[in-house]
Amino acid sequence: MKLVAFDIGGTTVKTGLFLDKQLVKKASFNTPQSFDDLILEMKKYIEDDIEGVAISAPGVVDIKDRVIRNESAVPYIHNRPIFDELEQALKRPVTIENDANCAGICEINLGAGKNFNNVAFVIIGTGIGGSVFINKQLYKGVHLSGGEFGFMKDKNGKTLSNSATLIKNVKAYNEQAPNGKIKDGQELLTLAENGNPLAKNIINNMYDRIAEGIYNLQVSFDFDAFILGGGISARAELASEIKNRLAKLLADNVTDDIMPVIDNCHFQNDANLYGAVINFLNKKLY
């Protein structure tokens, strides 16, 4: 089957052609400012022999009612009959699934989660999202909000999305630094690696908050594994930093006998696209 996949983000839309079990012709374009412009951009990638369109998108995707609920950085995709509108405009069958769910679908089928039955995926980006798989099946919850780990609160009363992402911690650094501002998370990580005391403290605090969130999930559900995604998952040390902290929390408070596997996503930036394709191919299962 020849499909085109789109991963809609707040800044860019990634796309790729799925052919012979691989994503080829991968590209991206700036996220349009309107729904009509989004359709115009998508049409550029619809070749004559394309059989379907697989989409990863932010928000609560209600497949039954064929809408995307709640809000995101792409406001115009929400609370409209988007499945029907896209199918009419693109003249192809369309599937849509939440972006964090797509990442999990990819990794549970092809990547870091494929050898486990019960897995939680923690996606660390602008905020923190996630997805939950029980017996390898996506669990979306009664209100379709399963995996919204970013709304969990840490010991300081802050949500994880406000305390445990690079973008928020860059802001924290800039507010506390005596001189000099930084632009992004890469600069913050580099400063920490080079021994900057403030940067080291902020990064360590970020890792602590992530580990505490995973600790709470593990003592509640006893997963086989946690797979970490988002841009920071390209850093191999992320998994080891969280693993060490989680092991100590479990040993100190419960038992390290329930220590799960901690790993980084294998497909990284392509996970959402592959997950969208797998969701299309298995749409009756999800």
C-alpha atoms as a PDB file:
ATOM      1  CA  MET A   1       0.000   0.000   0.000  1.00  0.00           C
ATOM      2  CA  LYS A   2       1.267   3.473  -0.901  1.00  0.00           C
ATOM      3  CA  LEU A   3       0.403   6.104   1.692  1.00  0.00           C
ATOM      4  CA  VAL A   4       1.408   9.644   2.526  1.00  0.00           C
ATOM      5  CA  ALA A   5       1.895  10.515   6.193  1.00  0.00           C
ATOM      6  CA  PHE A   6       1.777  13.916   7.898  1.00  0.00           C
ATOM      7  CA  ASP A   7       2.875  14.853  11.403  1.00  0.00           C
ATOM      8  CA  ILE A   8       1.257  18.183  12.275  1.00  0.00           C
ATOM      9  CA  GLY A   9       3.216  20.264  14.770  1.00  0.00           C
ATOM     10  CA  GLY A  10       2.989  23.802  16.047  1.00  0.00           C
ATOM     11  CA  THR A  11       5.987  24.964  14.007  1.00  0.00           C
ATOM     12  CA  THR A  12       6.391  22.478  11.167  1.00  0.00           C
ATOM     13  CA  VAL A  13       4.493  19.701   9.437  1.00  0.00           C
ATOM     14  CA  LYS A  14       6.636  16.664   8.645  1.00  0.00           C
ATOM     15  CA  THR A  15       5.678  14.380   5.819  1.00  0.00           C
ATOM     16  CA  GLY A  16       6.839  11.216   4.132  1.00  0.00           C
ATOM     17  CA  LEU A  17       5.769   8.689   1.524  1.00  0.00           C
ATOM     18  CA  PHE A  18       5.251   5.162   2.830  1.00  0.00           C
ATOM     19  CA  LEU A  19       6.297   2.640   0.200  1.00  0.00           C
ATOM     20  CA  ASP A  20       7.691  -0.893   0.524  1.00  0.00           C
ATOM     21  CA  LYS A  21       7.531  -0.701   4.334  1.00  0.00           C
ATOM     22  CA  GLN A  22       9.728   2.401   4.444  1.00  0.00           C
ATOM     23  CA  LEU A  23       9.257   6.142   4.701  1.00  0.00           C
ATOM     24  CA  VAL A  24      10.807   7.823   1.684  1.00  0.00           C
ATOM     25  CA  LYS A  25      10.716  11.331   0.247  1.00  0.00           C
ATOM     26  CA  LYS A  26      10.682  12.768   3.768  1.00  0.00           C
ATOM     27  CA  ALA A  27      10.180  16.526   3.869  1.00  0.00           C
ATOM     28  CA  SER A  28       8.671  19.283   5.994  1.00  0.00           C
ATOM     29  CA  PHE A  29       6.967  22.638   5.615  1.00  0.00           C
ATOM     30  CA  ASN A  30       6.108  25.463   7.980  1.00  0.00           C
ATOM     31  CA  THR A  31       2.787  24.913   9.713  1.00  0.00           C
ATOM     32  CA  PRO A  32       0.245  26.991   7.765  1.00  0.00           C
ATOM     33  CA  GLN A  33      -1.778  29.712   9.448  1.00  0.00           C
ATOM     34  CA  SER A  34      -5.176  28.397   8.349  1.00  0.00           C
ATOM     35  CA  PHE A  35      -6.934  25.120   7.637  1.00  0.00           C
ATOM     36  CA  ASP A  36      -7.416  25.996   3.971  1.00  0.00           C
ATOM     37  CA  ASP A  37      -3.687  26.643   3.608  1.00  0.00           C
ATOM     38  CA  LEU A  38      -2.924  23.336   5.344  1.00  0.00           C
ATOM     39  CA  ILE A  39      -5.024  21.504   2.770  1.00  0.00           C
ATOM     40  CA  LEU A  40      -3.270  23.320  -0.083  1.00  0.00           C
ATOM     41  CA  GLU A  41       0.137  22.241   1.272  1.00  0.00           C
ATOM     42  CA  MET A  42      -0.997  18.652   1.803  1.00  0.00           C
ATOM     43  CA  LYS A  43      -2.279  18.394  -1.755  1.00  0.00           C
ATOM     44  CA  LYS A  44       1.272  18.987  -3.028  1.00  0.00           C
ATOM     45  CA  TYR A  45       2.230  15.567  -1.633  1.00  0.00           C
ATOM     46  CA  ILE A  46      -0.785  13.597  -2.891  1.00  0.00           C
ATOM     47  CA  GLU A  47       0.459  11.659  -5.922  1.00  0.00           C
ATOM     48  CA  ASP A  48      -2.026   9.972  -8.243  1.00  0.00           C
ATOM     49  CA  ASP A  49      -1.399   6.470  -6.876  1.00  0.00           C
ATOM     50  CA  ILE A  50      -1.615   7.415  -3.190  1.00  0.00           C
ATOM     51  CA  GLU A  51      -4.172   5.143  -1.517  1.00  0.00           C
ATOM     52  CA  GLY A  52      -4.587   6.904   1.796  1.00  0.00           C
ATOM     53  CA  VAL A  53      -3.474   9.672   4.148  1.00  0.00           C
ATOM     54  CA  ALA A  54      -2.171   8.926   7.655  1.00  0.00           C
ATOM     55  CA  ILE A  55      -1.991  11.843  10.094  1.00  0.00           C
ATOM     56  CA  SER A  56      -0.401  12.434  13.485  1.00  0.00           C
ATOM     57  CA  ALA A  57      -1.817  15.509  15.227  1.00  0.00           C
ATOM     58  CA  PRO A  58      -1.925  17.219  18.614  1.00  0.00           C
ATOM     59  CA  GLY A  59      -5.062  17.118  20.739  1.00  0.00           C
ATOM     60  CA  VAL A  60      -7.645  14.568  21.849  1.00  0.00           C
ATOM     61  CA  VAL A  61      -8.574  12.650  18.722  1.00  0.00           C
ATOM     62  CA  ASP A  62     -12.132  11.340  18.885  1.00  0.00           C
ATOM     63  CA  ILE A  63     -12.280   8.734  16.149  1.00  0.00           C
ATOM     64  CA  LYS A  64     -15.948   7.913  16.816  1.00  0.00           C
ATOM     65  CA  ASP A  65     -17.117  11.493  16.317  1.00  0.00           C
ATOM     66  CA  ARG A  66     -14.341  12.221  13.779  1.00  0.00           C
ATOM     67  CA  VAL A  67     -13.102  15.392  15.465  1.00  0.00           C
ATOM     68  CA  ILE A  68     -10.031  16.578  17.380  1.00  0.00           C
ATOM     69  CA  ARG A  69     -11.054  17.978  20.748  1.00  0.00           C
ATOM     70  CA  ASN A  70      -9.333  20.346  23.208  1.00  0.00           C
ATOM     71  CA  GLU A  71      -6.718  22.851  22.038  1.00  0.00           C
ATOM     72  CA  SER A  72      -3.127  22.921  20.798  1.00  0.00           C
ATOM     73  CA  ALA A  73      -0.597  25.141  19.063  1.00  0.00           C
ATOM     74  CA  VAL A  74      -2.576  24.510  15.851  1.00  0.00           C
ATOM     75  CA  PRO A  75      -6.007  25.844  16.893  1.00  0.00           C
ATOM     76  CA  TYR A  76      -7.748  25.524  13.538  1.00  0.00           C
ATOM     77  CA  ILE A  77      -7.638  21.698  13.509  1.00  0.00           C
ATOM     78  CA  HIS A  78      -9.853  21.435  16.603  1.00  0.00           C
ATOM     79  CA  ASN A  79     -13.607  21.056  17.065  1.00  0.00           C
ATOM     80  CA  ARG A  80     -14.504  20.768  13.404  1.00  0.00           C
ATOM     81  CA  PRO A  81     -15.456  17.745  11.231  1.00  0.00           C
ATOM     82  CA  ILE A  82     -11.816  17.408  10.240  1.00  0.00           C
ATOM     83  CA  PHE A  83     -11.912  13.759   9.105  1.00  0.00           C
ATOM     84  CA  ASP A  84     -14.731  14.463   6.670  1.00  0.00           C
ATOM     85  CA  GLU A  85     -13.221  17.734   5.473  1.00  0.00           C
ATOM     86  CA  LEU A  86      -9.825  16.177   4.757  1.00  0.00           C
ATOM     87  CA  GLU A  87     -11.296  13.163   3.001  1.00  0.00           C
ATOM     88  CA  GLN A  88     -13.412  15.414   0.785  1.00  0.00           C
ATOM     89  CA  ALA A  89     -10.494  17.726  -0.014  1.00  0.00           C
ATOM     90  CA  LEU A  90      -7.815  15.054  -0.522  1.00  0.00           C
ATOM     91  CA  LYS A  91     -10.150  12.474  -2.074  1.00  0.00           C
ATOM     92  CA  ARG A  92      -8.529   9.695  -0.071  1.00  0.00           C
ATOM     93  CA  PRO A  93      -9.394   7.814   3.138  1.00  0.00           C
ATOM     94  CA  VAL A  94      -7.850   9.589   6.134  1.00  0.00           C
ATOM     95  CA  THR A  95      -6.882   8.391   9.599  1.00  0.00           C
ATOM     96  CA  ILE A  96      -5.838  10.726  12.422  1.00  0.00           C
ATOM     97  CA  GLU A  97      -4.344   9.856  15.805  1.00  0.00           C
ATOM     98  CA  ASN A  98      -2.809  11.881  18.628  1.00  0.00           C
ATOM     99  CA  ASP A  99       0.900  12.528  18.092  1.00  0.00           C
ATOM    100  CA  ALA A 100       2.083  10.942  21.360  1.00  0.00           C
ATOM    101  CA  ASN A 101      -0.099   7.920  20.640  1.00  0.00           C
ATOM    102  CA  CYS A 102       1.465   7.688  17.180  1.00  0.00           C
ATOM    103  CA  ALA A 103       4.948   7.701  18.678  1.00  0.00           C
ATOM    104  CA  GLY A 104       3.905   4.885  20.988  1.00  0.00           C
ATOM    105  CA  ILE A 105       2.254   2.907  18.177  1.00  0.00           C
ATOM    106  CA  CYS A 106       5.501   3.101  16.211  1.00  0.00           C
ATOM    107  CA  GLU A 107       7.749   2.058  19.068  1.00  0.00           C
ATOM    108  CA  ILE A 108       5.498  -0.742  20.413  1.00  0.00           C
ATOM    109  CA  ASN A 109       5.370  -2.284  16.929  1.00  0.00           C
ATOM    110  CA  LEU A 110       8.825  -1.578  15.533  1.00  0.00           C
ATOM    111  CA  GLY A 111      11.071   0.083  18.083  1.00  0.00           C
ATOM    112  CA  ALA A 112      12.117   0.178  21.697  1.00  0.00           C
ATOM    113  CA  GLY A 113       8.845  -1.246  23.022  1.00  0.00           C
ATOM    114  CA  LYS A 114       8.405  -4.181  20.671  1.00  0.00           C
ATOM    115  CA  ASN A 115       9.602  -6.808  23.170  1.00  0.00           C
ATOM    116  CA  PHE A 116       7.244  -5.686  25.949  1.00  0.00           C
ATOM    117  CA  ASN A 117       3.518  -6.051  26.603  1.00  0.00           C
ATOM    118  CA  ASN A 118       2.798  -3.221  29.049  1.00  0.00           C
ATOM    119  CA  VAL A 119       4.593   0.003  28.242  1.00  0.00           C
ATOM    120  CA  ALA A 120       4.284   3.716  28.928  1.00  0.00           C
ATOM    121  CA  PHE A 121       5.762   6.204  26.484  1.00  0.00           C
ATOM    122  CA  VAL A 122       6.799   9.579  27.916  1.00  0.00           C
ATOM    123  CA  ILE A 123       7.262  12.207  25.204  1.00  0.00           C
ATOM    124  CA  ILE A 124       9.283  15.247  26.336  1.00  0.00           C
ATOM    125  CA  GLY A 125       8.832  18.199  24.016  1.00  0.00           C
ATOM    126  CA  THR A 126       7.340  21.668  24.429  1.00  0.00           C
ATOM    127  CA  GLY A 127       5.179  19.965  27.033  1.00  0.00           C
ATOM    128  CA  ILE A 128       5.066  16.375  28.220  1.00  0.00           C
ATOM    129  CA  GLY A 129       2.715  13.899  26.616  1.00  0.00           C
ATOM    130  CA  GLY A 130       2.559  10.165  26.511  1.00  0.00           C
ATOM    131  CA  SER A 131       0.725   6.998  25.671  1.00  0.00           C
ATOM    132  CA  VAL A 132      -0.100   3.776  27.463  1.00  0.00           C
ATOM    133  CA  PHE A 133      -0.162   0.251  26.053  1.00  0.00           C
ATOM    134  CA  ILE A 134      -1.696  -2.676  27.924  1.00  0.00           C
ATOM    135  CA  ASN A 135      -1.101  -6.114  26.369  1.00  0.00           C
ATOM    136  CA  LYS A 136       0.305  -4.193  23.382  1.00  0.00           C
ATOM    137  CA  GLN A 137      -3.006  -2.382  22.840  1.00  0.00           C
ATOM    138  CA  LEU A 138      -3.288   1.383  23.015  1.00  0.00           C
ATOM    139  CA  TYR A 139      -5.258   2.443  26.100  1.00  0.00           C
ATOM    140  CA  LYS A 140      -6.873   5.835  25.525  1.00  0.00           C
ATOM    141  CA  GLY A 141      -9.066   6.026  28.623  1.00  0.00           C
ATOM    142  CA  VAL A 142     -12.773   6.678  29.082  1.00  0.00           C
ATOM    143  CA  HIS A 143     -12.380  10.354  28.127  1.00  0.00           C
ATOM    144  CA  LEU A 144      -9.667   9.696  25.497  1.00  0.00           C
ATOM    145  CA  SER A 145      -7.080  11.415  27.703  1.00  0.00           C
ATOM    146  CA  GLY A 146      -4.910   8.460  28.723  1.00  0.00           C
ATOM    147  CA  GLY A 147      -1.203   9.332  28.746  1.00  0.00           C
ATOM    148  CA  GLU A 148      -1.540  13.039  29.558  1.00  0.00           C
ATOM    149  CA  PHE A 149       1.405  12.748  31.934  1.00  0.00           C
ATOM    150  CA  GLY A 150       2.285  16.427  31.615  1.00  0.00           C
ATOM    151  CA  PHE A 151      -0.642  17.301  33.879  1.00  0.00           C
ATOM    152  CA  MET A 152       0.749  15.301  36.803  1.00  0.00           C
ATOM    153  CA  LYS A 153       2.013  17.556  39.581  1.00  0.00           C
ATOM    154  CA  ASP A 154       5.449  17.376  41.167  1.00  0.00           C
ATOM    155  CA  LYS A 155       6.306  17.878  44.834  1.00  0.00           C
ATOM    156  CA  ASN A 156       6.375  21.660  44.293  1.00  0.00           C
ATOM    157  CA  GLY A 157       2.842  21.735  42.917  1.00  0.00           C
ATOM    158  CA  LYS A 158       3.924  22.365  39.330  1.00  0.00           C
ATOM    159  CA  THR A 159       2.763  20.236  36.430  1.00  0.00           C
ATOM    160  CA  LEU A 160       5.469  18.172  34.742  1.00  0.00           C
ATOM    161  CA  SER A 161       4.969  20.179  31.554  1.00  0.00           C
ATOM    162  CA  ASN A 162       5.966  23.282  33.532  1.00  0.00           C
ATOM    163  CA  SER A 163       8.883  21.788  35.453  1.00  0.00           C
ATOM    164  CA  ALA A 164      10.369  19.007  33.360  1.00  0.00           C
ATOM    165  CA  THR A 165      10.856  20.294  29.812  1.00  0.00           C
ATOM    166  CA  LEU A 166      13.868  21.993  28.298  1.00  0.00           C
ATOM    167  CA  ILE A 167      11.888  24.989  27.050  1.00  0.00           C
ATOM    168  CA  LYS A 168      10.621  25.776  30.556  1.00  0.00           C
ATOM    169  CA  ASN A 169      14.046  25.234  32.084  1.00  0.00           C
ATOM    170  CA  VAL A 170      15.709  27.552  29.572  1.00  0.00           C
ATOM    171  CA  LYS A 171      13.318  30.198  30.852  1.00  0.00           C
ATOM    172  CA  ALA A 172      14.239  29.302  34.445  1.00  0.00           C
ATOM    173  CA  TYR A 173      17.941  29.630  33.623  1.00  0.00           C
ATOM    174  CA  ASN A 174      17.481  33.013  31.970  1.00  0.00           C
ATOM    175  CA  GLU A 175      15.530  34.282  34.970  1.00  0.00           C
ATOM    176  CA  GLN A 176      18.269  33.221  37.394  1.00  0.00           C
ATOM    177  CA  ALA A 177      21.484  33.744  35.407  1.00  0.00           C
ATOM    178  CA  PRO A 178      23.477  36.763  36.619  1.00  0.00           C
ATOM    179  CA  ASN A 179      24.523  37.623  33.071  1.00  0.00           C
ATOM    180  CA  GLY A 180      24.036  36.247  29.598  1.00  0.00           C
ATOM    181  CA  LYS A 181      20.924  34.652  28.201  1.00  0.00           C
ATOM    182  CA  ILE A 182      20.623  31.379  26.289  1.00  0.00           C
ATOM    183  CA  LYS A 183      18.404  30.595  23.322  1.00  0.00           C
ATOM    184  CA  ASP A 184      17.507  26.929  23.595  1.00  0.00           C
ATOM    185  CA  GLY A 185      17.780  23.637  25.414  1.00  0.00           C
ATOM    186  CA  GLN A 186      20.908  22.590  23.574  1.00  0.00           C
ATOM    187  CA  GLU A 187      22.749  25.568  25.034  1.00  0.00           C
ATOM    188  CA  LEU A 188      21.461  24.713  28.501  1.00  0.00           C
ATOM    189  CA  LEU A 189      22.619  21.107  28.197  1.00  0.00           C
ATOM    190  CA  THR A 190      26.028  22.200  26.903  1.00  0.00           C
ATOM    191  CA  LEU A 191      26.460  24.613  29.813  1.00  0.00           C
ATOM    192  CA  ALA A 192      25.586  21.835  32.252  1.00  0.00           C
ATOM    193  CA  GLU A 193      28.058  19.459  30.604  1.00  0.00           C
ATOM    194  CA  ASN A 194      30.762  22.125  30.844  1.00  0.00           C
ATOM    195  CA  GLY A 195      30.203  22.491  34.571  1.00  0.00           C
ATOM    196  CA  ASN A 196      28.094  25.645  34.827  1.00  0.00           C
ATOM    197  CA  PRO A 197      26.670  25.294  38.380  1.00  0.00           C
ATOM    198  CA  LEU A 198      23.298  26.901  37.662  1.00  0.00           C
ATOM    199  CA  ALA A 199      22.769  24.908  34.457  1.00  0.00           C
ATOM    200  CA  LYS A 200      23.781  21.664  36.187  1.00  0.00           C
ATOM    201  CA  ASN A 201      21.354  22.290  39.009  1.00  0.00           C
ATOM    202  CA  ILE A 202      18.492  23.075  36.635  1.00  0.00           C
ATOM    203  CA  ILE A 203      19.118  19.997  34.445  1.00  0.00           C
ATOM    204  CA  ASN A 204      19.448  17.740  37.492  1.00  0.00           C
ATOM    205  CA  ASN A 205      16.182  19.130  38.827  1.00  0.00           C
ATOM    206  CA  MET A 206      14.505  18.449  35.467  1.00  0.00           C
ATOM    207  CA  TYR A 207      15.700  14.822  35.482  1.00  0.00           C
ATOM    208  CA  ASP A 208      14.534  14.463  39.114  1.00  0.00           C
ATOM    209  CA  ARG A 209      11.032  15.642  38.232  1.00  0.00           C
ATOM    210  CA  ILE A 210      10.777  13.233  35.280  1.00  0.00           C
ATOM    211  CA  ALA A 211      11.982  10.338  37.444  1.00  0.00           C
ATOM    212  CA  GLU A 212       9.475  11.224  40.168  1.00  0.00           C
ATOM    213  CA  GLY A 213       6.641  11.182  37.635  1.00  0.00           C
ATOM    214  CA  ILE A 214       7.728   7.802  36.322  1.00  0.00           C
ATOM    215  CA  TYR A 215       8.078   6.512  39.900  1.00  0.00           C
ATOM    216  CA  ASN A 216       4.434   7.399  40.580  1.00  0.00           C
ATOM    217  CA  LEU A 217       3.327   5.689  37.384  1.00  0.00           C
ATOM    218  CA  GLN A 218       5.380   2.583  38.101  1.00  0.00           C
ATOM    219  CA  VAL A 219       4.115   2.029  41.650  1.00  0.00           C
ATOM    220  CA  SER A 220       0.581   2.556  40.314  1.00  0.00           C
ATOM    221  CA  PHE A 221       0.675   0.332  37.227  1.00  0.00           C
ATOM    222  CA  ASP A 222       3.893  -1.762  37.309  1.00  0.00           C
ATOM    223  CA  PHE A 223       4.841  -1.395  33.640  1.00  0.00           C
ATOM    224  CA  ASP A 224       7.399  -3.571  31.865  1.00  0.00           C
ATOM    225  CA  ALA A 225       9.116  -0.518  30.426  1.00  0.00           C
ATOM    226  CA  PHE A 226       9.090   3.243  29.987  1.00  0.00           C
ATOM    227  CA  ILE A 227      10.227   4.572  26.628  1.00  0.00           C
ATOM    228  CA  LEU A 228      11.336   8.205  26.481  1.00  0.00           C
ATOM    229  CA  GLY A 229      10.717  10.316  23.386  1.00  0.00           C
ATOM    230  CA  GLY A 230      10.891  13.878  22.130  1.00  0.00           C
ATOM    231  CA  GLY A 231      13.906  15.809  20.901  1.00  0.00           C
ATOM    232  CA  ILE A 232      15.923  15.226  24.075  1.00  0.00           C
ATOM    233  CA  SER A 233      15.684  11.448  23.556  1.00  0.00           C
ATOM    234  CA  ALA A 234      18.379  11.780  20.891  1.00  0.00           C
ATOM    235  CA  ARG A 235      20.776  12.074  23.849  1.00  0.00           C
ATOM    236  CA  ALA A 236      21.745   8.580  24.981  1.00  0.00           C
ATOM    237  CA  GLU A 237      22.329   9.755  28.548  1.00  0.00           C
ATOM    238  CA  LEU A 238      18.661  10.652  29.043  1.00  0.00           C
ATOM    239  CA  ALA A 239      17.668   7.032  29.699  1.00  0.00           C
ATOM    240  CA  SER A 240      20.572   6.398  32.066  1.00  0.00           C
ATOM    241  CA  GLU A 241      19.924   9.605  34.034  1.00  0.00           C
ATOM    242  CA  ILE A 242      16.276   8.690  34.558  1.00  0.00           C
ATOM    243  CA  LYS A 243      17.073   5.019  35.221  1.00  0.00           C
ATOM    244  CA  ASN A 244      19.539   5.838  38.003  1.00  0.00           C
ATOM    245  CA  ARG A 245      17.141   8.224  39.706  1.00  0.00           C
ATOM    246  CA  LEU A 246      14.179   5.873  39.403  1.00  0.00           C
ATOM    247  CA  ALA A 247      16.168   2.938  40.796  1.00  0.00           C
ATOM    248  CA  LYS A 248      17.054   4.982  43.885  1.00  0.00           C
ATOM    249  CA  LEU A 249      13.470   6.147  44.407  1.00  0.00           C
ATOM    250  CA  LEU A 250      12.173   2.584  44.204  1.00  0.00           C
ATOM    251  CA  ALA A 251      14.906   1.184  46.464  1.00  0.00           C
ATOM    252  CA  ASP A 252      14.366   3.902  49.069  1.00  0.00           C
ATOM    253  CA  ASN A 253      10.573   3.772  49.130  1.00  0.00           C
ATOM    254  CA  VAL A 254       9.236   0.466  47.815  1.00  0.00           C
ATOM    255  CA  THR A 255      11.506  -2.174  46.327  1.00  0.00           C
ATOM    256  CA  ASP A 256      13.807  -2.267  43.339  1.00  0.00           C
ATOM    257  CA  ASP A 257      12.219  -5.605  42.407  1.00  0.00           C
ATOM    258  CA  ILE A 258       9.679  -3.658  40.329  1.00  0.00           C
ATOM    259  CA  MET A 259      12.289  -1.671  38.390  1.00  0.00           C
ATOM    260  CA  PRO A 260      11.123  -1.335  34.754  1.00  0.00           C
ATOM    261  CA  VAL A 261      13.292  -1.070  31.666  1.00  0.00           C
ATOM    262  CA  ILE A 262      14.066   2.554  30.755  1.00  0.00           C
ATOM    263  CA  ASP A 263      15.025   3.274  27.147  1.00  0.00           C
ATOM    264  CA  ASN A 264      14.951   6.055  24.573  1.00  0.00           C
ATOM    265  CA  CYS A 265      12.738   5.922  21.478  1.00  0.00           C
ATOM    266  CA  HIS A 266      14.524   4.299  18.543  1.00  0.00           C
ATOM    267  CA  PHE A 267      12.726   6.134  15.741  1.00  0.00           C
ATOM    268  CA  GLN A 268      13.024   9.626  17.257  1.00  0.00           C
ATOM    269  CA  ASN A 269      11.817  12.256  14.737  1.00  0.00           C
ATOM    270  CA  ASP A 270      10.236   9.624  12.459  1.00  0.00           C
ATOM    271  CA  ALA A 271       8.220   7.916  15.205  1.00  0.00           C
ATOM    272  CA  ASN A 272       5.059   9.979  14.692  1.00  0.00           C
ATOM    273  CA  LEU A 273       5.043   9.379  10.933  1.00  0.00           C
ATOM    274  CA  TYR A 274       5.580   5.628  11.220  1.00  0.00           C
ATOM    275  CA  GLY A 275       2.982   5.452  13.980  1.00  0.00           C
ATOM    276  CA  ALA A 276       0.450   7.308  11.829  1.00  0.00           C
ATOM    277  CA  VAL A 277       1.040   4.799   9.028  1.00  0.00           C
ATOM    278  CA  ILE A 278       0.700   1.784  11.328  1.00  0.00           C
ATOM    279  CA  ASN A 279      -2.487   3.320  12.731  1.00  0.00           C
ATOM    280  CA  PHE A 280      -3.849   3.610   9.187  1.00  0.00           C
ATOM    281  CA  LEU A 281      -2.949   0.026   8.341  1.00  0.00           C
ATOM    282  CA  ASN A 282      -4.394  -1.302  11.622  1.00  0.00           C
ATOM    283  CA  LYS A 283      -7.197   1.223  12.044  1.00  0.00           C
ATOM    284  CA  LYS A 284      -9.707  -1.466  13.009  1.00  0.00           C
ATOM    285  CA  LEU A 285      -7.468  -2.439  15.936  1.00  0.00           C
ATOM    286  CA  TYR A 286      -7.216   1.008  17.483  1.00  0.00           C
END
